[in-house]
Every structure is written in C-alpha cells, then in structure tokens.
Amino acid sequence: MGRIQPLQFAGDHDGEVEKIQGFDFAEWLKNTVLKNDFVVMKMDVEGAEFDLIPRLYETGAICLVDELFLECHYNRWQRCCPGQRSSKYERTYEQCLALFDSLRRRGVLVHQWW
C-alpha cells in the first residue's frame, strides 16, 4: 500500500532502508477465496486500514469477507522517550468510528479490536 515509513533514528544512522516486497491484498483475496467460503478476517495493518478498506470496496473483494475484526489506529498518545509522549498516527478516533460505521452501513459485520 506504500504507507509504511522507515523508522526515524536519532544520532548516527546511515539512512539504509530495508525494502520488502508488497502485494495487492485485495487481488490476492479475490484469487484465493471462493464465493462460498466463510471468511473471518483480523486486520491490524498499522494505519493502512484507511487505504486498504477503500481498495477492498473498489475491487469488490470486501464482498468475500463475512466477518471483520478491525484494529483501527488513531492518534492516541504513546510513550516515545523518557518523560515524553508522541502521537504515532494522524487519524482521529472519530475517523475510526466513521470507518466502522461505513463498513456496517455497507453490510459488513465488523468488530472493533484492541
């Protein structure tokens, strides 16, 4: 999906980034799952859910998912350094709730996962 960013290091680091091969999950799902299969999906994609779910709609792959347990990542505070906290994600909790609502309105049985 292209949303995974390299870690930012303080101090000496040569900037080397390890590349990994990605794949189109929606196409994989469509090529792997049969219409009559019962598919339960647990999605924890570290913020990429805001890109992946629309892709599932675009391709029609969402119709293959019978039940979805979704961990939605939002800008809650996390500990980053001694005595400091930072926001890891740009989305808000309200945007997560809207994502759940849009899935339910389209007939997807979705559960919030923590």
N, C-alpha and C. Protein backbone atom coordinates (compact mmCIF):
# COMPACT_ATOMS: atom_id res chain seq x y z
N MET A 1 0.82 -1.20 0.00
CA MET A 1 0.00 0.00 0.00
C MET A 1 0.86 1.25 0.00
N GLY A 2 2.13 1.12 0.30
CA GLY A 2 3.01 2.26 0.24
C GLY A 2 2.94 3.19 1.42
N ARG A 3 2.32 2.79 2.52
CA ARG A 3 2.18 3.68 3.66
C ARG A 3 3.18 3.40 4.76
N ILE A 4 3.94 2.34 4.63
CA ILE A 4 4.88 2.00 5.69
C ILE A 4 6.12 2.87 5.53
N GLN A 5 6.44 3.62 6.55
CA GLN A 5 7.55 4.55 6.51
C GLN A 5 8.75 3.97 7.27
N PRO A 6 9.97 4.28 6.83
CA PRO A 6 11.14 3.80 7.57
C PRO A 6 11.21 4.45 8.94
N LEU A 7 11.79 3.74 9.87
CA LEU A 7 11.98 4.29 11.22
C LEU A 7 12.91 5.48 11.18
N GLN A 8 12.63 6.44 12.03
CA GLN A 8 13.49 7.61 12.14
C GLN A 8 14.41 7.40 13.34
N PHE A 9 15.70 7.47 13.12
CA PHE A 9 16.67 7.24 14.18
C PHE A 9 17.32 8.55 14.58
N ALA A 10 17.51 8.72 15.87
CA ALA A 10 18.27 9.86 16.36
C ALA A 10 19.74 9.45 16.41
N GLY A 11 20.60 10.37 16.07
CA GLY A 11 22.03 10.06 16.14
C GLY A 11 22.54 9.46 14.85
N ASP A 12 23.59 8.66 14.96
CA ASP A 12 24.25 8.11 13.79
C ASP A 12 23.45 6.96 13.20
N HIS A 13 23.09 7.13 11.95
CA HIS A 13 22.44 6.07 11.18
C HIS A 13 22.68 6.39 9.73
N ASP A 14 23.06 5.40 8.95
CA ASP A 14 23.43 5.67 7.56
C ASP A 14 22.24 5.84 6.63
N GLY A 15 21.01 5.80 7.16
CA GLY A 15 19.83 6.01 6.34
C GLY A 15 19.43 4.81 5.50
N GLU A 16 20.06 3.68 5.74
CA GLU A 16 19.75 2.48 4.97
C GLU A 16 18.33 2.01 5.30
N VAL A 17 17.58 1.70 4.26
CA VAL A 17 16.21 1.24 4.40
C VAL A 17 16.12 -0.16 3.84
N GLU A 18 15.56 -1.08 4.62
CA GLU A 18 15.36 -2.44 4.14
C GLU A 18 14.07 -2.48 3.34
N LYS A 19 14.16 -2.93 2.11
CA LYS A 19 12.98 -3.00 1.25
C LYS A 19 12.37 -4.39 1.34
N ILE A 20 11.05 -4.41 1.36
CA ILE A 20 10.32 -5.67 1.37
C ILE A 20 9.34 -5.65 0.21
N GLN A 21 9.05 -6.81 -0.32
CA GLN A 21 8.12 -6.91 -1.42
C GLN A 21 6.69 -6.83 -0.90
N GLY A 22 5.89 -6.00 -1.51
CA GLY A 22 4.48 -5.89 -1.15
C GLY A 22 3.62 -6.65 -2.14
N PHE A 23 2.35 -6.70 -1.87
CA PHE A 23 1.42 -7.34 -2.79
C PHE A 23 0.05 -6.68 -2.64
N ASP A 24 -0.79 -6.87 -3.62
CA ASP A 24 -2.13 -6.31 -3.61
C ASP A 24 -3.04 -7.29 -2.86
N PHE A 25 -3.35 -6.97 -1.62
CA PHE A 25 -4.13 -7.88 -0.79
C PHE A 25 -5.51 -8.13 -1.36
N ALA A 26 -6.14 -7.09 -1.91
CA ALA A 26 -7.49 -7.25 -2.47
C ALA A 26 -7.47 -8.26 -3.61
N GLU A 27 -6.50 -8.16 -4.49
CA GLU A 27 -6.40 -9.11 -5.61
C GLU A 27 -6.07 -10.51 -5.10
N TRP A 28 -5.19 -10.59 -4.11
CA TRP A 28 -4.86 -11.89 -3.52
C TRP A 28 -6.11 -12.55 -2.95
N LEU A 29 -6.91 -11.77 -2.22
CA LEU A 29 -8.14 -12.29 -1.63
C LEU A 29 -9.08 -12.81 -2.71
N LYS A 30 -9.26 -12.03 -3.76
CA LYS A 30 -10.15 -12.43 -4.85
C LYS A 30 -9.67 -13.69 -5.56
N ASN A 31 -8.35 -13.87 -5.63
CA ASN A 31 -7.79 -15.04 -6.31
C ASN A 31 -7.65 -16.26 -5.41
N THR A 32 -7.85 -16.09 -4.11
CA THR A 32 -7.63 -17.17 -3.15
C THR A 32 -8.92 -17.71 -2.55
N VAL A 33 -9.87 -16.83 -2.30
CA VAL A 33 -11.09 -17.18 -1.59
C VAL A 33 -12.22 -17.46 -2.58
N LEU A 34 -12.98 -18.47 -2.29
CA LEU A 34 -14.15 -18.78 -3.11
C LEU A 34 -15.38 -18.08 -2.54
N LYS A 35 -16.34 -17.80 -3.40
CA LYS A 35 -17.56 -17.09 -3.00
C LYS A 35 -18.29 -17.78 -1.85
N ASN A 36 -18.28 -19.10 -1.81
CA ASN A 36 -18.99 -19.85 -0.77
C ASN A 36 -18.16 -20.10 0.49
N ASP A 37 -16.90 -19.68 0.50
CA ASP A 37 -16.08 -19.81 1.71
C ASP A 37 -16.59 -18.85 2.77
N PHE A 38 -16.43 -19.23 4.03
CA PHE A 38 -16.76 -18.33 5.14
C PHE A 38 -15.46 -17.70 5.60
N VAL A 39 -15.32 -16.40 5.40
CA VAL A 39 -14.06 -15.71 5.65
C VAL A 39 -14.19 -14.80 6.87
N VAL A 40 -13.36 -15.07 7.88
CA VAL A 40 -13.24 -14.21 9.05
C VAL A 40 -11.85 -13.58 8.97
N MET A 41 -11.81 -12.25 9.00
CA MET A 41 -10.53 -11.55 8.84
C MET A 41 -10.22 -10.73 10.09
N LYS A 42 -8.98 -10.82 10.53
CA LYS A 42 -8.47 -9.96 11.61
C LYS A 42 -7.51 -9.01 10.93
N MET A 43 -7.80 -7.71 10.95
CA MET A 43 -6.99 -6.72 10.26
C MET A 43 -6.28 -5.82 11.27
N ASP A 44 -4.97 -5.86 11.24
CA ASP A 44 -4.12 -4.99 12.05
C ASP A 44 -2.98 -4.55 11.14
N VAL A 45 -3.21 -3.46 10.40
CA VAL A 45 -2.26 -3.05 9.36
C VAL A 45 -1.62 -1.69 9.66
N GLU A 46 -1.57 -1.35 10.95
CA GLU A 46 -0.82 -0.19 11.42
C GLU A 46 -1.13 1.11 10.68
N GLY A 47 -2.41 1.41 10.55
CA GLY A 47 -2.83 2.67 9.95
C GLY A 47 -3.17 2.58 8.47
N ALA A 48 -2.75 1.52 7.81
CA ALA A 48 -3.05 1.37 6.38
C ALA A 48 -4.49 0.97 6.13
N GLU A 49 -5.27 0.73 7.20
CA GLU A 49 -6.67 0.35 7.02
C GLU A 49 -7.46 1.43 6.28
N PHE A 50 -7.03 2.69 6.41
CA PHE A 50 -7.73 3.78 5.73
C PHE A 50 -7.47 3.78 4.22
N ASP A 51 -6.48 3.04 3.78
CA ASP A 51 -6.21 2.85 2.35
C ASP A 51 -6.69 1.47 1.89
N LEU A 52 -6.51 0.47 2.73
CA LEU A 52 -6.84 -0.90 2.34
C LEU A 52 -8.35 -1.13 2.22
N ILE A 53 -9.13 -0.61 3.14
CA ILE A 53 -10.57 -0.85 3.10
C ILE A 53 -11.20 -0.24 1.84
N PRO A 54 -10.87 1.01 1.48
CA PRO A 54 -11.39 1.52 0.21
C PRO A 54 -10.96 0.66 -0.99
N ARG A 55 -9.76 0.12 -0.95
CA ARG A 55 -9.29 -0.76 -2.03
C ARG A 55 -10.14 -2.04 -2.08
N LEU A 56 -10.51 -2.56 -0.92
CA LEU A 56 -11.38 -3.74 -0.89
C LEU A 56 -12.75 -3.43 -1.51
N TYR A 57 -13.25 -2.22 -1.27
CA TYR A 57 -14.51 -1.79 -1.90
C TYR A 57 -14.35 -1.69 -3.41
N GLU A 58 -13.29 -0.99 -3.84
CA GLU A 58 -13.06 -0.75 -5.28
C GLU A 58 -13.01 -2.04 -6.09
N THR A 59 -12.40 -3.05 -5.54
CA THR A 59 -12.20 -4.31 -6.26
C THR A 59 -13.34 -5.29 -6.06
N GLY A 60 -14.22 -5.01 -5.11
CA GLY A 60 -15.30 -5.94 -4.79
C GLY A 60 -14.88 -7.04 -3.84
N ALA A 61 -13.62 -7.02 -3.41
CA ALA A 61 -13.10 -8.06 -2.51
C ALA A 61 -13.78 -8.03 -1.15
N ILE A 62 -14.32 -6.88 -0.75
CA ILE A 62 -14.99 -6.78 0.55
C ILE A 62 -16.18 -7.73 0.62
N CYS A 63 -16.77 -8.06 -0.52
CA CYS A 63 -17.93 -8.97 -0.55
C CYS A 63 -17.55 -10.40 -0.17
N LEU A 64 -16.27 -10.71 -0.17
CA LEU A 64 -15.80 -12.05 0.20
C LEU A 64 -15.59 -12.19 1.70
N VAL A 65 -15.62 -11.09 2.42
CA VAL A 65 -15.36 -11.09 3.86
C VAL A 65 -16.69 -11.19 4.60
N ASP A 66 -16.86 -12.25 5.38
CA ASP A 66 -18.09 -12.45 6.14
C ASP A 66 -18.07 -11.74 7.48
N GLU A 67 -16.92 -11.69 8.10
CA GLU A 67 -16.80 -11.05 9.41
C GLU A 67 -15.40 -10.46 9.52
N LEU A 68 -15.33 -9.22 10.06
CA LEU A 68 -14.06 -8.50 10.13
C LEU A 68 -13.82 -8.01 11.55
N PHE A 69 -12.68 -8.35 12.09
CA PHE A 69 -12.21 -7.82 13.37
C PHE A 69 -11.13 -6.81 13.01
N LEU A 70 -11.40 -5.53 13.25
CA LEU A 70 -10.54 -4.46 12.76
C LEU A 70 -9.92 -3.69 13.91
N GLU A 71 -8.60 -3.60 13.90
CA GLU A 71 -7.89 -2.72 14.83
C GLU A 71 -7.62 -1.42 14.08
N CYS A 72 -8.32 -0.38 14.47
CA CYS A 72 -8.18 0.92 13.81
C CYS A 72 -7.16 1.76 14.58
N HIS A 73 -6.19 2.29 13.88
CA HIS A 73 -5.10 3.05 14.52
C HIS A 73 -5.37 4.54 14.41
N TYR A 74 -5.34 5.21 15.54
CA TYR A 74 -5.62 6.64 15.60
C TYR A 74 -4.57 7.32 16.47
N ASN A 75 -4.68 8.63 16.60
CA ASN A 75 -3.62 9.43 17.20
C ASN A 75 -3.59 9.44 18.73
N ARG A 76 -3.76 8.28 19.32
CA ARG A 76 -3.63 8.21 20.78
C ARG A 76 -2.15 8.41 21.14
N TRP A 77 -1.94 8.89 22.32
CA TRP A 77 -0.57 9.19 22.75
C TRP A 77 0.15 7.91 23.14
N GLN A 78 1.41 7.84 22.82
CA GLN A 78 2.25 6.71 23.19
C GLN A 78 3.56 7.23 23.77
N ARG A 79 4.18 6.42 24.57
CA ARG A 79 5.48 6.80 25.13
C ARG A 79 6.54 6.61 24.06
N CYS A 80 7.34 7.62 23.88
CA CYS A 80 8.40 7.51 22.87
C CYS A 80 9.77 7.65 23.50
N CYS A 81 9.86 8.52 24.46
CA CYS A 81 11.15 8.82 25.07
C CYS A 81 10.91 9.05 26.56
N PRO A 82 11.93 8.95 27.37
CA PRO A 82 11.73 9.18 28.81
C PRO A 82 11.07 10.54 29.07
N GLY A 83 9.90 10.51 29.72
CA GLY A 83 9.21 11.74 30.08
C GLY A 83 8.45 12.40 28.94
N GLN A 84 8.39 11.78 27.76
CA GLN A 84 7.70 12.39 26.63
C GLN A 84 6.69 11.42 26.03
N ARG A 85 5.72 11.98 25.36
CA ARG A 85 4.75 11.18 24.63
C ARG A 85 4.59 11.78 23.24
N SER A 86 4.29 10.93 22.29
CA SER A 86 4.09 11.42 20.93
C SER A 86 2.89 10.73 20.31
N SER A 87 2.35 11.35 19.28
CA SER A 87 1.23 10.79 18.55
C SER A 87 1.79 9.99 17.38
N LYS A 88 1.43 8.71 17.27
CA LYS A 88 2.01 7.84 16.25
C LYS A 88 1.23 7.89 14.94
N TYR A 89 -0.06 8.13 14.98
CA TYR A 89 -0.90 8.09 13.79
C TYR A 89 -1.59 9.44 13.59
N GLU A 90 -1.92 9.75 12.35
CA GLU A 90 -2.54 11.03 12.03
C GLU A 90 -4.06 11.01 12.17
N ARG A 91 -4.68 9.86 12.05
CA ARG A 91 -6.15 9.78 12.09
C ARG A 91 -6.66 9.95 13.51
N THR A 92 -7.94 10.38 13.61
CA THR A 92 -8.57 10.57 14.92
C THR A 92 -9.44 9.36 15.24
N TYR A 93 -9.82 9.26 16.50
CA TYR A 93 -10.73 8.19 16.90
C TYR A 93 -12.08 8.34 16.21
N GLU A 94 -12.51 9.59 16.01
CA GLU A 94 -13.76 9.84 15.29
C GLU A 94 -13.70 9.30 13.86
N GLN A 95 -12.53 9.40 13.22
CA GLN A 95 -12.37 8.85 11.87
C GLN A 95 -12.44 7.32 11.91
N CYS A 96 -11.93 6.72 12.96
CA CYS A 96 -12.05 5.26 13.12
C CYS A 96 -13.51 4.87 13.26
N LEU A 97 -14.25 5.60 14.09
CA LEU A 97 -15.67 5.30 14.26
C LEU A 97 -16.43 5.46 12.95
N ALA A 98 -16.07 6.46 12.16
CA ALA A 98 -16.71 6.67 10.86
C ALA A 98 -16.39 5.51 9.92
N LEU A 99 -15.17 4.98 10.00
CA LEU A 99 -14.79 3.84 9.17
C LEU A 99 -15.62 2.62 9.54
N PHE A 100 -15.78 2.36 10.83
CA PHE A 100 -16.63 1.26 11.29
C PHE A 100 -18.07 1.46 10.81
N ASP A 101 -18.57 2.67 10.95
CA ASP A 101 -19.93 2.98 10.54
C ASP A 101 -20.12 2.74 9.04
N SER A 102 -19.16 3.17 8.23
CA SER A 102 -19.28 2.97 6.78
C SER A 102 -19.28 1.49 6.42
N LEU A 103 -18.48 0.70 7.12
CA LEU A 103 -18.47 -0.74 6.87
C LEU A 103 -19.82 -1.35 7.23
N ARG A 104 -20.35 -0.98 8.38
CA ARG A 104 -21.64 -1.54 8.82
C ARG A 104 -22.78 -1.13 7.89
N ARG A 105 -22.76 0.14 7.43
CA ARG A 105 -23.81 0.60 6.51
C ARG A 105 -23.77 -0.16 5.19
N ARG A 106 -22.62 -0.69 4.83
CA ARG A 106 -22.49 -1.47 3.60
C ARG A 106 -22.67 -2.96 3.84
N GLY A 107 -23.07 -3.32 5.06
CA GLY A 107 -23.42 -4.70 5.34
C GLY A 107 -22.29 -5.58 5.83
N VAL A 108 -21.14 -4.98 6.18
CA VAL A 108 -20.01 -5.77 6.69
C VAL A 108 -20.17 -5.93 8.19
N LEU A 109 -20.11 -7.16 8.65
CA LEU A 109 -20.15 -7.45 10.09
C LEU A 109 -18.75 -7.17 10.64
N VAL A 110 -18.59 -6.01 11.27
CA VAL A 110 -17.27 -5.57 11.73
C VAL A 110 -17.28 -5.34 13.23
N HIS A 111 -16.17 -5.72 13.85
CA HIS A 111 -16.00 -5.56 15.31
C HIS A 111 -14.73 -4.77 15.56
N GLN A 112 -14.78 -3.90 16.56
CA GLN A 112 -13.59 -3.15 16.94
C GLN A 112 -12.67 -4.08 17.72
N TRP A 113 -11.41 -4.10 17.36
CA TRP A 113 -10.41 -4.94 18.01
C TRP A 113 -9.36 -4.04 18.63
N TRP A 114 -8.91 -4.38 19.81
CA TRP A 114 -7.92 -3.55 20.50
C TRP A 114 -6.60 -4.25 20.55
